[in-house]
């Protein structure tokens, strides 16, 4: 079992920056890739960024604005979000991919509004 706890998020004005982090605990040795997904009201959950042995992968909508990183010593994955837009407003979920399944955090709200 893997537990994921997100932190960060909040309210930011358009053009601003925000960072969210996700700490993993439990069977962290089983984690391969980690990533961030988001879900806006009335929309399906979508991939934002992933980081694994194959490298980093970003959704086209966030390329050049968001950066995913990972500190393996702390079992933590980060998402730095710059040049935020109102359409980035969503609940952001951390995920961890293991050979026994995918684990999700509880989500953290990011709201971009003036």
N, C-alpha and C. Protein backbone atom coordinates (compact mmCIF):
# COMPACT_ATOMS: atom_id res chain seq x y z
N UNK A 1 0.83 -1.18 0.00
CA UNK A 1 0.00 0.00 0.00
C UNK A 1 0.88 1.26 0.00
N UNK A 2 0.40 2.25 -0.72
CA UNK A 2 1.08 3.54 -0.78
C UNK A 2 0.08 4.62 -0.39
N UNK A 3 0.51 5.51 0.48
CA UNK A 3 -0.33 6.64 0.86
C UNK A 3 0.31 7.91 0.28
N UNK A 4 -0.55 8.78 -0.23
CA UNK A 4 -0.09 10.02 -0.83
C UNK A 4 -0.81 11.20 -0.18
N UNK A 5 -0.05 12.19 0.22
CA UNK A 5 -0.62 13.37 0.86
C UNK A 5 -0.13 14.60 0.13
N UNK A 6 -1.06 15.33 -0.46
CA UNK A 6 -0.72 16.55 -1.18
C UNK A 6 -0.74 17.74 -0.23
N UNK A 7 0.02 18.75 -0.59
CA UNK A 7 0.00 20.02 0.13
C UNK A 7 0.28 21.13 -0.87
N UNK A 8 -0.07 22.33 -0.46
CA UNK A 8 0.06 23.46 -1.35
C UNK A 8 -1.29 23.76 -1.96
N UNK A 9 -1.29 24.40 -3.10
CA UNK A 9 -2.54 24.79 -3.71
C UNK A 9 -3.07 26.07 -3.10
N UNK A 10 -4.25 26.48 -3.54
CA UNK A 10 -4.85 27.69 -3.03
C UNK A 10 -5.33 28.59 -4.14
N UNK A 11 -5.44 29.88 -3.81
CA UNK A 11 -5.94 30.88 -4.74
C UNK A 11 -4.79 31.74 -5.25
N UNK A 12 -4.75 31.95 -6.56
CA UNK A 12 -3.70 32.77 -7.16
C UNK A 12 -4.29 33.56 -8.31
N UNK A 13 -3.73 34.71 -8.56
CA UNK A 13 -4.20 35.54 -9.67
C UNK A 13 -3.65 35.03 -11.00
N UNK A 14 -4.34 35.30 -12.08
CA UNK A 14 -3.82 34.92 -13.40
C UNK A 14 -2.42 35.48 -13.62
N UNK A 15 -1.57 34.65 -14.17
CA UNK A 15 -0.18 35.04 -14.39
C UNK A 15 0.72 34.71 -13.22
N UNK A 16 0.14 34.31 -12.11
CA UNK A 16 0.91 34.01 -10.91
C UNK A 16 1.47 32.60 -10.91
N UNK A 17 2.13 32.27 -9.81
CA UNK A 17 2.76 30.96 -9.65
C UNK A 17 2.28 30.29 -8.38
N UNK A 18 2.36 28.98 -8.42
CA UNK A 18 1.95 28.18 -7.26
C UNK A 18 2.69 26.86 -7.34
N UNK A 19 2.95 26.29 -6.19
CA UNK A 19 3.61 24.99 -6.15
C UNK A 19 2.81 24.04 -5.27
N UNK A 20 2.69 22.82 -5.72
CA UNK A 20 2.05 21.77 -4.93
C UNK A 20 3.05 20.63 -4.76
N UNK A 21 2.94 19.93 -3.66
CA UNK A 21 3.83 18.81 -3.41
C UNK A 21 3.03 17.61 -2.93
N UNK A 22 3.64 16.46 -3.03
CA UNK A 22 2.97 15.21 -2.67
C UNK A 22 3.98 14.28 -2.03
N UNK A 23 3.73 13.92 -0.78
CA UNK A 23 4.62 13.03 -0.05
C UNK A 23 4.05 11.63 -0.03
N UNK A 24 4.87 10.68 -0.39
CA UNK A 24 4.45 9.28 -0.40
C UNK A 24 4.97 8.57 0.84
N UNK A 25 4.19 7.64 1.34
CA UNK A 25 4.61 6.81 2.47
C UNK A 25 4.08 5.40 2.25
N UNK A 26 4.53 4.49 3.10
CA UNK A 26 4.13 3.09 2.94
C UNK A 26 5.13 2.34 2.08
N UNK A 27 4.64 1.59 1.14
CA UNK A 27 5.51 0.75 0.29
C UNK A 27 6.10 1.57 -0.85
N UNK A 28 6.87 2.57 -0.48
CA UNK A 28 7.41 3.50 -1.49
C UNK A 28 8.40 2.81 -2.42
N UNK A 29 8.98 1.69 -1.97
CA UNK A 29 9.93 0.97 -2.81
C UNK A 29 9.25 0.44 -4.07
N UNK A 30 7.94 0.32 -4.03
CA UNK A 30 7.21 -0.24 -5.17
C UNK A 30 6.81 0.79 -6.22
N UNK A 31 7.08 2.05 -5.91
CA UNK A 31 6.65 3.13 -6.82
C UNK A 31 7.57 3.22 -8.02
N UNK A 32 6.97 3.27 -9.18
CA UNK A 32 7.73 3.53 -10.40
C UNK A 32 7.57 5.00 -10.74
N UNK A 33 6.70 5.29 -11.66
CA UNK A 33 6.46 6.68 -12.03
C UNK A 33 5.50 7.35 -11.05
N UNK A 34 5.59 8.66 -11.00
CA UNK A 34 4.63 9.47 -10.24
C UNK A 34 4.14 10.59 -11.14
N UNK A 35 3.03 11.17 -10.76
CA UNK A 35 2.52 12.22 -11.63
C UNK A 35 1.44 13.04 -10.98
N UNK A 36 0.96 13.99 -11.76
CA UNK A 36 -0.13 14.88 -11.34
C UNK A 36 -1.23 14.85 -12.40
N UNK A 37 -2.46 14.74 -11.93
CA UNK A 37 -3.65 14.84 -12.76
C UNK A 37 -4.50 15.96 -12.19
N UNK A 38 -5.47 16.41 -12.95
CA UNK A 38 -6.39 17.43 -12.45
C UNK A 38 -7.78 17.19 -12.98
N UNK A 39 -8.75 17.70 -12.24
CA UNK A 39 -10.15 17.57 -12.64
C UNK A 39 -10.87 18.87 -12.35
N UNK A 40 -11.36 19.50 -13.41
CA UNK A 40 -12.13 20.72 -13.29
C UNK A 40 -13.61 20.37 -13.17
N UNK A 41 -14.41 21.25 -12.62
CA UNK A 41 -15.85 20.96 -12.47
C UNK A 41 -16.49 20.61 -13.81
N UNK A 42 -17.21 19.50 -13.83
CA UNK A 42 -17.91 19.09 -15.03
C UNK A 42 -17.04 18.47 -16.10
N UNK A 43 -15.76 18.25 -15.78
CA UNK A 43 -14.84 17.68 -16.77
C UNK A 43 -14.22 16.40 -16.24
N UNK A 44 -13.66 15.62 -17.16
CA UNK A 44 -12.99 14.39 -16.77
C UNK A 44 -11.61 14.71 -16.22
N UNK A 45 -11.11 13.80 -15.40
CA UNK A 45 -9.76 13.94 -14.89
C UNK A 45 -8.78 13.80 -16.05
N UNK A 46 -7.78 14.68 -16.07
CA UNK A 46 -6.81 14.66 -17.15
C UNK A 46 -5.38 14.68 -16.61
N UNK A 47 -4.48 14.08 -17.39
CA UNK A 47 -3.07 14.06 -17.02
C UNK A 47 -2.50 15.47 -17.17
N UNK A 48 -1.71 15.86 -16.18
CA UNK A 48 -1.00 17.14 -16.24
C UNK A 48 0.48 16.89 -16.53
N UNK A 49 1.09 16.03 -15.71
CA UNK A 49 2.51 15.74 -15.88
C UNK A 49 2.84 14.43 -15.18
N UNK A 50 3.77 13.69 -15.77
CA UNK A 50 4.25 12.47 -15.15
C UNK A 50 5.77 12.44 -15.21
N UNK A 51 6.35 11.69 -14.28
CA UNK A 51 7.80 11.58 -14.20
C UNK A 51 8.16 10.15 -13.83
N UNK A 52 8.90 9.50 -14.72
CA UNK A 52 9.32 8.14 -14.47
C UNK A 52 10.66 7.86 -15.11
N UNK A 53 10.96 6.58 -15.23
CA UNK A 53 12.26 6.20 -15.81
C UNK A 53 12.38 6.64 -17.26
N UNK A 54 11.24 6.85 -17.90
CA UNK A 54 11.25 7.29 -19.30
C UNK A 54 11.38 8.79 -19.46
N UNK A 55 11.40 9.49 -18.33
CA UNK A 55 11.53 10.94 -18.38
C UNK A 55 10.25 11.64 -17.98
N UNK A 56 10.15 12.88 -18.37
CA UNK A 56 9.00 13.71 -18.01
C UNK A 56 8.03 13.80 -19.19
N UNK A 57 6.76 13.86 -18.86
CA UNK A 57 5.72 13.99 -19.88
C UNK A 57 4.73 15.05 -19.41
N UNK A 58 4.38 15.97 -20.29
CA UNK A 58 3.47 17.05 -19.94
C UNK A 58 2.28 17.10 -20.91
N UNK A 59 1.15 17.52 -20.38
CA UNK A 59 0.02 17.81 -21.26
C UNK A 59 0.38 19.03 -22.10
N UNK A 60 -0.10 19.07 -23.32
CA UNK A 60 0.20 20.19 -24.20
C UNK A 60 -0.22 21.52 -23.58
N UNK A 61 -1.29 21.50 -22.83
CA UNK A 61 -1.84 22.74 -22.27
C UNK A 61 -0.95 23.35 -21.19
N UNK A 62 0.00 22.59 -20.64
CA UNK A 62 0.84 23.11 -19.57
C UNK A 62 2.32 23.16 -19.94
N UNK A 63 2.68 22.66 -21.10
CA UNK A 63 4.08 22.66 -21.52
C UNK A 63 4.65 24.08 -21.52
N UNK A 64 5.83 24.19 -20.94
CA UNK A 64 6.48 25.50 -20.86
C UNK A 64 6.05 26.33 -19.68
N UNK A 65 5.00 25.90 -18.97
CA UNK A 65 4.51 26.65 -17.80
C UNK A 65 4.64 25.86 -16.51
N UNK A 66 4.47 24.56 -16.57
CA UNK A 66 4.53 23.70 -15.39
C UNK A 66 5.81 22.86 -15.42
N UNK A 67 6.33 22.57 -14.24
CA UNK A 67 7.52 21.73 -14.12
C UNK A 67 7.30 20.68 -13.03
N UNK A 68 7.48 19.43 -13.38
CA UNK A 68 7.38 18.35 -12.40
C UNK A 68 8.79 17.94 -11.99
N UNK A 69 8.93 17.65 -10.70
CA UNK A 69 10.22 17.19 -10.20
C UNK A 69 9.98 16.21 -9.06
N UNK A 70 11.03 15.52 -8.69
CA UNK A 70 10.87 14.45 -7.70
C UNK A 70 12.13 14.37 -6.85
N UNK A 71 11.92 14.22 -5.55
CA UNK A 71 13.01 14.02 -4.60
C UNK A 71 12.84 12.61 -4.05
N UNK A 72 13.62 11.68 -4.58
CA UNK A 72 13.47 10.28 -4.18
C UNK A 72 13.83 10.05 -2.72
N UNK A 73 14.77 10.83 -2.21
CA UNK A 73 15.17 10.68 -0.80
C UNK A 73 14.02 11.03 0.13
N UNK A 74 13.18 11.95 -0.30
CA UNK A 74 12.04 12.37 0.52
C UNK A 74 10.73 11.73 0.05
N UNK A 75 10.81 10.89 -0.99
CA UNK A 75 9.61 10.27 -1.54
C UNK A 75 8.54 11.31 -1.85
N UNK A 76 8.97 12.40 -2.44
CA UNK A 76 8.07 13.53 -2.70
C UNK A 76 8.16 13.96 -4.16
N UNK A 77 7.01 14.27 -4.71
CA UNK A 77 6.95 14.80 -6.08
C UNK A 77 6.36 16.19 -6.01
N UNK A 78 6.87 17.07 -6.85
CA UNK A 78 6.47 18.46 -6.84
C UNK A 78 5.91 18.87 -8.21
N UNK A 79 5.07 19.88 -8.18
CA UNK A 79 4.60 20.48 -9.42
C UNK A 79 4.68 22.00 -9.26
N UNK A 80 5.58 22.61 -9.99
CA UNK A 80 5.71 24.06 -10.00
C UNK A 80 4.88 24.58 -11.17
N UNK A 81 3.96 25.48 -10.85
CA UNK A 81 3.04 26.00 -11.86
C UNK A 81 3.26 27.50 -12.02
N UNK A 82 3.68 27.91 -13.20
CA UNK A 82 3.91 29.32 -13.50
C UNK A 82 2.96 29.79 -14.58
N UNK A 83 2.86 31.10 -14.71
CA UNK A 83 1.99 31.70 -15.73
C UNK A 83 0.60 31.07 -15.71
N UNK A 84 0.05 30.97 -14.53
CA UNK A 84 -1.24 30.28 -14.37
C UNK A 84 -2.37 31.02 -15.07
N UNK A 85 -3.29 30.24 -15.57
CA UNK A 85 -4.46 30.76 -16.30
C UNK A 85 -5.73 30.32 -15.59
N UNK A 86 -6.82 31.04 -15.77
CA UNK A 86 -8.09 30.62 -15.14
C UNK A 86 -8.47 29.19 -15.51
N UNK A 87 -8.13 28.76 -16.69
CA UNK A 87 -8.47 27.39 -17.11
C UNK A 87 -7.64 26.32 -16.41
N UNK A 88 -6.65 26.73 -15.63
CA UNK A 88 -5.90 25.79 -14.82
C UNK A 88 -6.62 25.47 -13.51
N UNK A 89 -7.70 26.17 -13.24
CA UNK A 89 -8.46 25.92 -12.02
C UNK A 89 -9.01 24.50 -12.01
N UNK A 90 -8.69 23.78 -10.95
CA UNK A 90 -9.10 22.38 -10.85
C UNK A 90 -8.65 21.83 -9.50
N UNK A 91 -9.11 20.63 -9.21
CA UNK A 91 -8.53 19.86 -8.10
C UNK A 91 -7.37 19.06 -8.69
N UNK A 92 -6.23 19.20 -8.08
CA UNK A 92 -5.02 18.53 -8.55
C UNK A 92 -4.75 17.29 -7.69
N UNK A 93 -4.57 16.17 -8.36
CA UNK A 93 -4.36 14.89 -7.70
C UNK A 93 -2.96 14.36 -8.00
N UNK A 94 -2.31 13.90 -6.96
CA UNK A 94 -1.04 13.21 -7.11
C UNK A 94 -1.33 11.73 -7.33
N UNK A 95 -0.48 11.07 -8.10
CA UNK A 95 -0.65 9.63 -8.30
C UNK A 95 0.70 8.94 -8.31
N UNK A 96 0.68 7.69 -7.92
CA UNK A 96 1.89 6.86 -7.92
C UNK A 96 1.56 5.54 -8.61
N UNK A 97 2.40 5.18 -9.54
CA UNK A 97 2.18 3.96 -10.31
C UNK A 97 3.09 2.86 -9.76
N UNK A 98 2.49 1.73 -9.40
CA UNK A 98 3.25 0.58 -8.92
C UNK A 98 2.87 -0.63 -9.75
N UNK A 99 3.59 -1.72 -9.53
CA UNK A 99 3.28 -2.93 -10.29
C UNK A 99 2.04 -3.63 -9.77
N UNK A 100 1.46 -3.11 -8.70
CA UNK A 100 0.22 -3.70 -8.18
C UNK A 100 -0.97 -2.77 -8.33
N UNK A 101 -0.75 -1.60 -8.88
CA UNK A 101 -1.86 -0.68 -9.07
C UNK A 101 -1.44 0.77 -9.01
N UNK A 102 -2.42 1.64 -9.16
CA UNK A 102 -2.18 3.08 -9.11
C UNK A 102 -2.84 3.65 -7.86
N UNK A 103 -2.09 4.49 -7.17
CA UNK A 103 -2.58 5.11 -5.94
C UNK A 103 -2.78 6.60 -6.16
N UNK A 104 -3.78 7.15 -5.46
CA UNK A 104 -4.13 8.55 -5.62
C UNK A 104 -4.14 9.27 -4.29
N UNK A 105 -3.78 10.54 -4.33
CA UNK A 105 -3.92 11.39 -3.17
C UNK A 105 -5.36 11.89 -3.07
N UNK A 106 -5.62 12.69 -2.05
CA UNK A 106 -6.97 13.17 -1.80
C UNK A 106 -7.31 14.39 -2.65
N UNK A 107 -6.30 15.00 -3.24
CA UNK A 107 -6.53 16.16 -4.10
C UNK A 107 -6.36 17.47 -3.36
N UNK A 108 -5.92 18.48 -4.08
CA UNK A 108 -5.79 19.82 -3.52
C UNK A 108 -6.32 20.82 -4.54
N UNK A 109 -7.08 21.79 -4.05
CA UNK A 109 -7.73 22.75 -4.94
C UNK A 109 -6.75 23.85 -5.37
N UNK A 110 -6.74 24.10 -6.66
CA UNK A 110 -6.00 25.24 -7.22
C UNK A 110 -7.01 26.11 -7.95
N UNK A 111 -7.11 27.36 -7.53
CA UNK A 111 -8.05 28.29 -8.15
C UNK A 111 -7.27 29.49 -8.69
N UNK A 112 -7.46 29.77 -9.97
CA UNK A 112 -6.80 30.90 -10.62
C UNK A 112 -7.88 31.91 -10.96
N UNK A 113 -7.87 33.02 -10.25
CA UNK A 113 -8.93 34.02 -10.42
C UNK A 113 -8.45 35.37 -9.92
N UNK A 114 -8.96 36.40 -10.56
CA UNK A 114 -8.64 37.75 -10.11
C UNK A 114 -9.71 38.25 -9.13
